[in-house]
Amino acid sequence: MKKILSLLVAFGMVASMTACAAQSSSVAESTAPESEASSASSEEAATSEAAAATAGTVLTHDEYMAADVDSEVTIETYVQAKQSWWEDKATVYGQSPDGAYFMYDMACSEEDYDKLTPGTCIRVTGYKSEWSGEIEIMDGTFEIVEDAEPFVAEPLDVTDLLGTDELIDHQNELVSFKGLTVEPSTLEGSDEEYAFLYNWDGSGTDGDDLYFNASYNGQTYTFTIESYLCDNTTDVYAAVKNLQVGQTIDMEGFLYWYEGVNPHITSVTVAG
């Protein structure tokens, strides 16, 4: 506005013919932003219409991964494991033949939670979110797809993908790691070595998450026993508590992500 007023004052000091030319120029300048605004409005409308057209449409896994963060998405997947239920909200691992999903705080009654057995097909609508690298569906609702054939995934061996960019392509899938070596964990300010820690920093007690390190091809990675998924009554929790540094182990679990790969392990076997 300040720029337009300055121009009008300057043009008022010249001859009438020049003033007419300036008036035409001013009109042209004033209509240009309106044209641009109209174009922007049209683009926004087209985007809104496209979003409305796809809302509720069941996406493939590739389409889901390509969707914008915070956009509403609808997918179909098969329950592989349940992590927790609390105050009518469920956290569930799901996988389909074309990819996997992590549903966090999905609206779910306790009665319906009991129905979410491995292999059950569900249709989920929620919001695609990202948290420290983990892609997940937040604040979702679901319905069971009746008469769908059950699907339970077989673990995919991703051992050779450790340390590669391709590993994240299998985020949240049921995977396996073979022939890894247990590496020591230490507490801050201490040289004492442990095969695992309660919580990431050793601040927990029995019943909390377990964290342990294992290496492959000279690189060390951190693995987690998520206590909501596998509590201290499970075989895998006991197996990790009995690990010794230097042992060779095979593992299975879900390829969760937190500031890098952070698998939620469901099975540990000492191989040597």
C-alpha atoms as a PDB file:
ATOM      1  CA  MET A   1       0.000   0.000   0.000  1.00  0.00           C
ATOM      2  CA  LYS A   2       2.843   2.374   0.848  1.00  0.00           C
ATOM      3  CA  LYS A   3       4.396   1.715  -2.539  1.00  0.00           C
ATOM      4  CA  ILE A   4       1.134   2.480  -4.430  1.00  0.00           C
ATOM      5  CA  LEU A   5       0.563   5.802  -2.569  1.00  0.00           C
ATOM      6  CA  SER A   6       4.089   6.993  -3.379  1.00  0.00           C
ATOM      7  CA  LEU A   7       3.549   6.273  -7.054  1.00  0.00           C
ATOM      8  CA  LEU A   8       0.229   8.169  -7.139  1.00  0.00           C
ATOM      9  CA  VAL A   9       1.817  11.281  -5.569  1.00  0.00           C
ATOM     10  CA  ALA A  10       4.652  11.213  -8.061  1.00  0.00           C
ATOM     11  CA  PHE A  11       2.327  10.766 -11.025  1.00  0.00           C
ATOM     12  CA  GLY A  12       0.119  13.652  -9.830  1.00  0.00           C
ATOM     13  CA  MET A  13       3.011  16.069 -10.402  1.00  0.00           C
ATOM     14  CA  VAL A  14       3.351  15.380 -14.138  1.00  0.00           C
ATOM     15  CA  ALA A  15       1.255  16.349 -17.194  1.00  0.00           C
ATOM     16  CA  SER A  16      -2.320  15.100 -17.602  1.00  0.00           C
ATOM     17  CA  MET A  17      -1.386  12.700 -20.386  1.00  0.00           C
ATOM     18  CA  THR A  18       1.199  11.098 -18.177  1.00  0.00           C
ATOM     19  CA  ALA A  19      -1.377  10.971 -15.405  1.00  0.00           C
ATOM     20  CA  CYS A  20      -3.721   9.040 -17.677  1.00  0.00           C
ATOM     21  CA  ALA A  21      -0.953   6.583 -18.499  1.00  0.00           C
ATOM     22  CA  ALA A  22      -0.160   6.222 -14.832  1.00  0.00           C
ATOM     23  CA  GLN A  23      -3.816   5.614 -14.091  1.00  0.00           C
ATOM     24  CA  SER A  24      -3.890   2.782 -16.653  1.00  0.00           C
ATOM     25  CA  SER A  25      -0.715   1.324 -15.174  1.00  0.00           C
ATOM     26  CA  SER A  26      -2.199   1.552 -11.679  1.00  0.00           C
ATOM     27  CA  VAL A  27      -5.311  -0.310 -12.784  1.00  0.00           C
ATOM     28  CA  ALA A  28      -3.220  -3.019 -14.390  1.00  0.00           C
ATOM     29  CA  GLU A  29      -1.124  -3.369 -11.222  1.00  0.00           C
ATOM     30  CA  SER A  30      -4.173  -3.522  -8.983  1.00  0.00           C
ATOM     31  CA  THR A  31      -5.839  -6.237 -11.029  1.00  0.00           C
ATOM     32  CA  ALA A  32      -2.749  -8.482 -11.218  1.00  0.00           C
ATOM     33  CA  PRO A  33      -2.808  -9.571  -7.552  1.00  0.00           C
ATOM     34  CA  GLU A  34      -6.543 -10.302  -7.864  1.00  0.00           C
ATOM     35  CA  SER A  35      -5.813 -12.555 -10.827  1.00  0.00           C
ATOM     36  CA  GLU A  36      -3.033 -14.297  -8.893  1.00  0.00           C
ATOM     37  CA  ALA A  37      -5.300 -14.675  -5.855  1.00  0.00           C
ATOM     38  CA  SER A  38      -8.008 -16.147  -8.059  1.00  0.00           C
ATOM     39  CA  SER A  39      -5.515 -18.634  -9.487  1.00  0.00           C
ATOM     40  CA  ALA A  40      -4.304 -19.580  -5.996  1.00  0.00           C
ATOM     41  CA  SER A  41      -7.894 -20.018  -4.846  1.00  0.00           C
ATOM     42  CA  SER A  42      -8.570 -22.311  -7.788  1.00  0.00           C
ATOM     43  CA  GLU A  43      -5.524 -24.406  -6.961  1.00  0.00           C
ATOM     44  CA  GLU A  44      -6.569 -24.651  -3.302  1.00  0.00           C
ATOM     45  CA  ALA A  45     -10.065 -25.640  -4.347  1.00  0.00           C
ATOM     46  CA  ALA A  46      -8.700 -28.317  -6.666  1.00  0.00           C
ATOM     47  CA  THR A  47      -6.503 -29.670  -3.860  1.00  0.00           C
ATOM     48  CA  SER A  48      -9.462 -29.721  -1.463  1.00  0.00           C
ATOM     49  CA  GLU A  49     -11.627 -31.478  -4.034  1.00  0.00           C
ATOM     50  CA  ALA A  50      -8.905 -34.087  -4.630  1.00  0.00           C
ATOM     51  CA  ALA A  51      -8.549 -34.661  -0.886  1.00  0.00           C
ATOM     52  CA  ALA A  52     -12.314 -34.996  -0.520  1.00  0.00           C
ATOM     53  CA  ALA A  53     -12.437 -37.450  -3.414  1.00  0.00           C
ATOM     54  CA  THR A  54      -9.848 -39.733  -1.806  1.00  0.00           C
ATOM     55  CA  ALA A  55     -11.153 -39.450   1.773  1.00  0.00           C
ATOM     56  CA  GLY A  56     -12.409 -42.854   2.792  1.00  0.00           C
ATOM     57  CA  THR A  57     -10.822 -44.554  -0.230  1.00  0.00           C
ATOM     58  CA  VAL A  58      -8.777 -47.604   0.794  1.00  0.00           C
ATOM     59  CA  LEU A  59      -5.149 -46.881  -0.088  1.00  0.00           C
ATOM     60  CA  THR A  60      -2.471 -49.323  -1.120  1.00  0.00           C
ATOM     61  CA  HIS A  61       0.648 -49.300   1.043  1.00  0.00           C
ATOM     62  CA  ASP A  62       2.532 -47.286  -1.593  1.00  0.00           C
ATOM     63  CA  GLU A  63      -0.289 -44.728  -1.718  1.00  0.00           C
ATOM     64  CA  TYR A  64      -0.316 -44.542   2.066  1.00  0.00           C
ATOM     65  CA  MET A  65       3.429 -43.893   2.205  1.00  0.00           C
ATOM     66  CA  ALA A  66       3.080 -41.212  -0.484  1.00  0.00           C
ATOM     67  CA  ALA A  67       0.264 -39.421   1.388  1.00  0.00           C
ATOM     68  CA  ASP A  68       1.068 -36.189   3.205  1.00  0.00           C
ATOM     69  CA  VAL A  69       1.793 -36.313   6.923  1.00  0.00           C
ATOM     70  CA  ASP A  70      -1.289 -35.250   8.915  1.00  0.00           C
ATOM     71  CA  SER A  71      -3.630 -36.186   6.070  1.00  0.00           C
ATOM     72  CA  GLU A  72      -6.584 -38.489   6.672  1.00  0.00           C
ATOM     73  CA  VAL A  73      -5.980 -42.002   5.343  1.00  0.00           C
ATOM     74  CA  THR A  74      -7.921 -45.244   5.112  1.00  0.00           C
ATOM     75  CA  ILE A  75      -6.139 -48.580   4.847  1.00  0.00           C
ATOM     76  CA  GLU A  76      -6.911 -52.271   5.198  1.00  0.00           C
ATOM     77  CA  THR A  77      -4.480 -54.467   7.054  1.00  0.00           C
ATOM     78  CA  TYR A  78      -4.243 -57.630   9.124  1.00  0.00           C
ATOM     79  CA  VAL A  79      -3.559 -57.652  12.840  1.00  0.00           C
ATOM     80  CA  GLN A  80      -0.177 -59.187  13.649  1.00  0.00           C
ATOM     81  CA  ALA A  81       0.168 -58.244  17.312  1.00  0.00           C
ATOM     82  CA  LYS A  82      -1.412 -56.007  19.937  1.00  0.00           C
ATOM     83  CA  GLN A  83       0.825 -53.779  22.023  1.00  0.00           C
ATOM     84  CA  SER A  84      -1.616 -52.284  24.489  1.00  0.00           C
ATOM     85  CA  TRP A  85      -5.148 -51.258  25.380  1.00  0.00           C
ATOM     86  CA  TRP A  86      -5.912 -48.375  27.731  1.00  0.00           C
ATOM     87  CA  GLU A  87      -8.943 -46.133  28.208  1.00  0.00           C
ATOM     88  CA  ASP A  88     -10.632 -47.410  25.050  1.00  0.00           C
ATOM     89  CA  LYS A  89      -7.539 -46.905  22.907  1.00  0.00           C
ATOM     90  CA  ALA A  90      -5.485 -49.657  21.289  1.00  0.00           C
ATOM     91  CA  THR A  91      -1.996 -49.780  19.790  1.00  0.00           C
ATOM     92  CA  VAL A  92      -1.692 -52.462  17.119  1.00  0.00           C
ATOM     93  CA  TYR A  93       0.865 -53.794  14.634  1.00  0.00           C
ATOM     94  CA  GLY A  94      -0.660 -54.600  11.257  1.00  0.00           C
ATOM     95  CA  GLN A  95       0.694 -56.046   8.049  1.00  0.00           C
ATOM     96  CA  SER A  96      -0.639 -56.756   4.574  1.00  0.00           C
ATOM     97  CA  PRO A  97       1.112 -58.554   1.717  1.00  0.00           C
ATOM     98  CA  ASP A  98       2.262 -55.173   0.350  1.00  0.00           C
ATOM     99  CA  GLY A  99       3.493 -53.551   3.573  1.00  0.00           C
ATOM    100  CA  ALA A 100       3.034 -52.923   7.283  1.00  0.00           C
ATOM    101  CA  TYR A 101       1.400 -50.345   9.558  1.00  0.00           C
ATOM    102  CA  PHE A 102       1.560 -49.195  13.165  1.00  0.00           C
ATOM    103  CA  MET A 103      -1.730 -47.949  14.601  1.00  0.00           C
ATOM    104  CA  TYR A 104      -1.265 -45.832  17.742  1.00  0.00           C
ATOM    105  CA  ASP A 105      -4.122 -44.932  20.100  1.00  0.00           C
ATOM    106  CA  MET A 106      -6.826 -46.341  17.841  1.00  0.00           C
ATOM    107  CA  ALA A 107     -10.332 -45.998  19.294  1.00  0.00           C
ATOM    108  CA  CYS A 108     -11.292 -49.457  20.543  1.00  0.00           C
ATOM    109  CA  SER A 109     -13.512 -50.874  23.249  1.00  0.00           C
ATOM    110  CA  GLU A 110     -12.139 -53.629  25.440  1.00  0.00           C
ATOM    111  CA  GLU A 111     -14.665 -56.017  23.884  1.00  0.00           C
ATOM    112  CA  ASP A 112     -13.444 -55.196  20.372  1.00  0.00           C
ATOM    113  CA  TYR A 113      -9.826 -55.385  21.498  1.00  0.00           C
ATOM    114  CA  ASP A 114     -10.382 -59.027  22.383  1.00  0.00           C
ATOM    115  CA  LYS A 115     -11.517 -59.620  18.794  1.00  0.00           C
ATOM    116  CA  LEU A 116      -8.256 -58.369  17.307  1.00  0.00           C
ATOM    117  CA  THR A 117      -6.577 -61.746  17.029  1.00  0.00           C
ATOM    118  CA  PRO A 118      -3.593 -62.320  14.694  1.00  0.00           C
ATOM    119  CA  GLY A 119      -4.720 -62.527  11.077  1.00  0.00           C
ATOM    120  CA  THR A 120      -7.909 -60.475  11.547  1.00  0.00           C
ATOM    121  CA  CYS A 121      -8.523 -58.031   8.690  1.00  0.00           C
ATOM    122  CA  ILE A 122      -9.440 -54.484   9.739  1.00  0.00           C
ATOM    123  CA  ARG A 123     -10.227 -51.283   7.858  1.00  0.00           C
ATOM    124  CA  VAL A 124      -8.668 -48.292   9.627  1.00  0.00           C
ATOM    125  CA  THR A 125      -9.284 -44.576   9.098  1.00  0.00           C
ATOM    126  CA  GLY A 126      -7.039 -42.115  10.881  1.00  0.00           C
ATOM    127  CA  TYR A 127      -4.290 -39.555  10.369  1.00  0.00           C
ATOM    128  CA  LYS A 128      -0.871 -40.366   8.983  1.00  0.00           C
ATOM    129  CA  SER A 129       1.768 -39.143  11.430  1.00  0.00           C
ATOM    130  CA  GLU A 130       5.517 -39.215  11.881  1.00  0.00           C
ATOM    131  CA  TRP A 131       7.274 -39.390  15.230  1.00  0.00           C
ATOM    132  CA  SER A 132      11.074 -39.430  15.289  1.00  0.00           C
ATOM    133  CA  GLY A 133      11.128 -41.304  11.989  1.00  0.00           C
ATOM    134  CA  GLU A 134       8.321 -43.738  12.790  1.00  0.00           C
ATOM    135  CA  ILE A 135       5.407 -43.551  10.330  1.00  0.00           C
ATOM    136  CA  GLU A 136       2.135 -44.408  12.054  1.00  0.00           C
ATOM    137  CA  ILE A 137      -1.618 -43.897  12.031  1.00  0.00           C
ATOM    138  CA  MET A 138      -2.858 -41.739  14.898  1.00  0.00           C
ATOM    139  CA  ASP A 139      -6.343 -41.269  16.360  1.00  0.00           C
ATOM    140  CA  GLY A 140      -7.844 -43.919  14.126  1.00  0.00           C
ATOM    141  CA  THR A 141     -11.108 -45.798  14.123  1.00  0.00           C
ATOM    142  CA  PHE A 142     -11.557 -49.263  12.715  1.00  0.00           C
ATOM    143  CA  GLU A 143     -14.014 -51.904  11.655  1.00  0.00           C
ATOM    144  CA  ILE A 144     -13.448 -55.616  11.204  1.00  0.00           C
ATOM    145  CA  VAL A 145     -13.712 -56.729   7.584  1.00  0.00           C
ATOM    146  CA  GLU A 146     -16.054 -59.676   7.783  1.00  0.00           C
ATOM    147  CA  ASP A 147     -15.399 -62.832   5.740  1.00  0.00           C
ATOM    148  CA  ALA A 148     -11.830 -61.747   4.860  1.00  0.00           C
ATOM    149  CA  GLU A 149      -9.315 -64.573   4.723  1.00  0.00           C
ATOM    150  CA  PRO A 150      -6.842 -64.314   7.638  1.00  0.00           C
ATOM    151  CA  PHE A 151      -3.265 -63.299   6.897  1.00  0.00           C
ATOM    152  CA  VAL A 152      -0.334 -63.830   9.258  1.00  0.00           C
ATOM    153  CA  ALA A 153       3.028 -62.629   7.953  1.00  0.00           C
ATOM    154  CA  GLU A 154       6.157 -64.729   7.915  1.00  0.00           C
ATOM    155  CA  PRO A 155       9.231 -62.888   9.235  1.00  0.00           C
ATOM    156  CA  LEU A 156      11.408 -61.416   6.504  1.00  0.00           C
ATOM    157  CA  ASP A 157      15.150 -61.874   7.025  1.00  0.00           C
ATOM    158  CA  VAL A 158      16.590 -58.349   6.876  1.00  0.00           C
ATOM    159  CA  THR A 159      19.969 -59.116   8.428  1.00  0.00           C
ATOM    160  CA  ASP A 160      21.882 -58.106   5.325  1.00  0.00           C
ATOM    161  CA  LEU A 161      19.921 -54.836   5.112  1.00  0.00           C
ATOM    162  CA  LEU A 162      21.251 -53.603   8.458  1.00  0.00           C
ATOM    163  CA  GLY A 163      23.140 -50.380   7.859  1.00  0.00           C
ATOM    164  CA  THR A 164      21.590 -49.798   4.422  1.00  0.00           C
ATOM    165  CA  ASP A 165      19.073 -47.240   3.158  1.00  0.00           C
ATOM    166  CA  GLU A 166      16.789 -50.075   2.035  1.00  0.00           C
ATOM    167  CA  LEU A 167      16.044 -51.212   5.578  1.00  0.00           C
ATOM    168  CA  ILE A 168      13.480 -48.453   6.217  1.00  0.00           C
ATOM    169  CA  ASP A 169      11.431 -49.732   3.262  1.00  0.00           C
ATOM    170  CA  HIS A 170      10.344 -52.559   5.580  1.00  0.00           C
ATOM    171  CA  GLN A 171       9.374 -50.331   8.503  1.00  0.00           C
ATOM    172  CA  ASN A 172       6.897 -52.001  10.905  1.00  0.00           C
ATOM    173  CA  GLU A 173       7.095 -55.380   9.132  1.00  0.00           C
ATOM    174  CA  LEU A 174       7.667 -58.622  11.000  1.00  0.00           C
ATOM    175  CA  VAL A 175      11.361 -59.330  10.390  1.00  0.00           C
ATOM    176  CA  SER A 176      14.194 -61.537  11.537  1.00  0.00           C
ATOM    177  CA  PHE A 177      17.882 -60.993  12.283  1.00  0.00           C
ATOM    178  CA  LYS A 178      20.304 -63.899  12.271  1.00  0.00           C
ATOM    179  CA  GLY A 179      23.799 -64.398  13.577  1.00  0.00           C
ATOM    180  CA  LEU A 180      24.204 -61.166  15.571  1.00  0.00           C
ATOM    181  CA  THR A 181      26.638 -60.842  18.477  1.00  0.00           C
ATOM    182  CA  VAL A 182      25.546 -59.496  21.870  1.00  0.00           C
ATOM    183  CA  GLU A 183      27.544 -56.363  22.674  1.00  0.00           C
ATOM    184  CA  PRO A 184      27.979 -54.705  26.080  1.00  0.00           C
ATOM    185  CA  SER A 185      25.818 -51.889  27.387  1.00  0.00           C
ATOM    186  CA  THR A 186      27.140 -49.448  29.989  1.00  0.00           C
ATOM    187  CA  LEU A 187      25.675 -46.934  32.389  1.00  0.00           C
ATOM    188  CA  GLU A 188      26.724 -43.302  32.174  1.00  0.00           C
ATOM    189  CA  GLY A 189      29.693 -42.672  34.416  1.00  0.00           C
ATOM    190  CA  SER A 190      30.462 -46.382  34.839  1.00  0.00           C
ATOM    191  CA  ASP A 191      32.809 -48.812  33.099  1.00  0.00           C
ATOM    192  CA  GLU A 192      30.818 -51.863  34.171  1.00  0.00           C
ATOM    193  CA  GLU A 193      29.364 -53.805  31.254  1.00  0.00           C
ATOM    194  CA  TYR A 194      25.918 -55.362  31.018  1.00  0.00           C
ATOM    195  CA  ALA A 195      24.208 -57.568  28.455  1.00  0.00           C
ATOM    196  CA  PHE A 196      21.023 -55.462  28.741  1.00  0.00           C
ATOM    197  CA  LEU A 197      19.587 -52.456  30.560  1.00  0.00           C
ATOM    198  CA  TYR A 198      16.220 -51.727  32.116  1.00  0.00           C
ATOM    199  CA  ASN A 199      15.123 -48.714  30.054  1.00  0.00           C
ATOM    200  CA  TRP A 200      17.539 -47.092  27.612  1.00  0.00           C
ATOM    201  CA  ASP A 201      19.602 -45.537  30.386  1.00  0.00           C
ATOM    202  CA  GLY A 202      19.409 -48.281  32.998  1.00  0.00           C
ATOM    203  CA  SER A 203      16.987 -46.295  35.148  1.00  0.00           C
ATOM    204  CA  GLY A 204      14.264 -48.958  35.244  1.00  0.00           C
ATOM    205  CA  THR A 205      13.516 -52.157  37.087  1.00  0.00           C
ATOM    206  CA  ASP A 206      12.085 -55.557  36.249  1.00  0.00           C
ATOM    207  CA  GLY A 207       8.926 -55.061  34.213  1.00  0.00           C
ATOM    208  CA  ASP A 208      10.196 -52.023  32.302  1.00  0.00           C
ATOM    209  CA  ASP A 209      11.434 -52.043  28.710  1.00  0.00           C
ATOM    210  CA  LEU A 210      14.680 -53.907  28.067  1.00  0.00           C
ATOM    211  CA  TYR A 211      17.384 -52.458  25.817  1.00  0.00           C
ATOM    212  CA  PHE A 212      20.307 -54.447  24.491  1.00  0.00           C
ATOM    213  CA  ASN A 213      22.988 -54.117  21.831  1.00  0.00           C
ATOM    214  CA  ALA A 214      23.935 -56.568  19.108  1.00  0.00           C
ATOM    215  CA  SER A 215      26.352 -56.227  16.220  1.00  0.00           C
ATOM    216  CA  TYR A 216      26.559 -57.378  12.619  1.00  0.00           C
ATOM    217  CA  ASN A 217      29.443 -56.772  10.192  1.00  0.00           C
ATOM    218  CA  GLY A 218      31.203 -54.560  12.712  1.00  0.00           C
ATOM    219  CA  GLN A 219      28.241 -52.256  13.336  1.00  0.00           C
ATOM    220  CA  THR A 220      26.268 -52.235  16.615  1.00  0.00           C
ATOM    221  CA  TYR A 221      22.502 -51.719  16.788  1.00  0.00           C
ATOM    222  CA  THR A 222      20.082 -51.297  19.680  1.00  0.00           C
ATOM    223  CA  PHE A 223      17.091 -53.599  20.134  1.00  0.00           C
ATOM    224  CA  THR A 224      14.147 -53.250  22.496  1.00  0.00           C
ATOM    225  CA  ILE A 225      11.785 -55.500  24.373  1.00  0.00           C
ATOM    226  CA  GLU A 226       8.716 -53.249  24.510  1.00  0.00           C
ATOM    227  CA  SER A 227       7.192 -54.213  27.857  1.00  0.00           C
ATOM    228  CA  TYR A 228       3.630 -53.414  26.744  1.00  0.00           C
ATOM    229  CA  LEU A 229       4.077 -55.838  23.851  1.00  0.00           C
ATOM    230  CA  CYS A 230       6.140 -58.504  25.654  1.00  0.00           C
ATOM    231  CA  ASP A 231       6.013 -58.100  29.423  1.00  0.00           C
ATOM    232  CA  ASN A 232       8.185 -59.744  32.061  1.00  0.00           C
ATOM    233  CA  THR A 233       6.091 -62.928  31.990  1.00  0.00           C
ATOM    234  CA  THR A 234       7.041 -63.710  28.367  1.00  0.00           C
ATOM    235  CA  ASP A 235       9.750 -66.057  27.129  1.00  0.00           C
ATOM    236  CA  VAL A 236      11.527 -63.301  25.187  1.00  0.00           C
ATOM    237  CA  TYR A 237      11.771 -61.051  28.250  1.00  0.00           C
ATOM    238  CA  ALA A 238      13.354 -63.901  30.223  1.00  0.00           C
ATOM    239  CA  ALA A 239      15.661 -64.765  27.320  1.00  0.00           C
ATOM    240  CA  VAL A 240      17.096 -61.233  27.164  1.00  0.00           C
ATOM    241  CA  LYS A 241      17.597 -61.140  30.927  1.00  0.00           C
ATOM    242  CA  ASN A 242      19.731 -64.291  30.539  1.00  0.00           C
ATOM    243  CA  LEU A 243      21.879 -63.001  27.667  1.00  0.00           C
ATOM    244  CA  GLN A 244      25.638 -62.830  27.971  1.00  0.00           C
ATOM    245  CA  VAL A 245      27.988 -60.512  26.129  1.00  0.00           C
ATOM    246  CA  GLY A 246      29.596 -62.307  23.190  1.00  0.00           C
ATOM    247  CA  GLN A 247      26.755 -64.749  22.532  1.00  0.00           C
ATOM    248  CA  THR A 248      25.444 -65.200  18.997  1.00  0.00           C
ATOM    249  CA  ILE A 249      21.687 -64.743  18.720  1.00  0.00           C
ATOM    250  CA  ASP A 250      18.833 -64.935  16.228  1.00  0.00           C
ATOM    251  CA  MET A 251      15.843 -62.616  16.674  1.00  0.00           C
ATOM    252  CA  GLU A 252      12.371 -61.827  15.361  1.00  0.00           C
ATOM    253  CA  GLY A 253      10.281 -58.722  15.878  1.00  0.00           C
ATOM    254  CA  PHE A 254       8.651 -55.669  14.351  1.00  0.00           C
ATOM    255  CA  LEU A 255      10.838 -53.155  12.534  1.00  0.00           C
ATOM    256  CA  TYR A 256       9.916 -50.126  14.602  1.00  0.00           C
ATOM    257  CA  TRP A 257      11.769 -46.853  14.087  1.00  0.00           C
ATOM    258  CA  TYR A 258      12.919 -44.257  16.598  1.00  0.00           C
ATOM    259  CA  GLU A 259      15.727 -41.903  15.602  1.00  0.00           C
ATOM    260  CA  GLY A 260      16.858 -44.789  13.402  1.00  0.00           C
ATOM    261  CA  VAL A 261      16.106 -48.487  13.448  1.00  0.00           C
ATOM    262  CA  ASN A 262      14.828 -49.646  16.858  1.00  0.00           C
ATOM    263  CA  PRO A 263      13.186 -53.063  16.427  1.00  0.00           C
ATOM    264  CA  HIS A 264      10.599 -54.261  18.940  1.00  0.00           C
ATOM    265  CA  ILE A 265      11.795 -57.830  19.473  1.00  0.00           C
ATOM    266  CA  THR A 266       9.368 -60.679  20.145  1.00  0.00           C
ATOM    267  CA  SER A 267      11.727 -63.670  20.034  1.00  0.00           C
ATOM    268  CA  VAL A 268      15.388 -64.252  20.922  1.00  0.00           C
ATOM    269  CA  THR A 269      17.237 -67.529  20.460  1.00  0.00           C
ATOM    270  CA  VAL A 270      20.834 -68.119  21.483  1.00  0.00           C
ATOM    271  CA  ALA A 271      22.582 -69.677  18.482  1.00  0.00           C
ATOM    272  CA  GLY A 272      26.063 -69.960  19.920  1.00  0.00           C
END
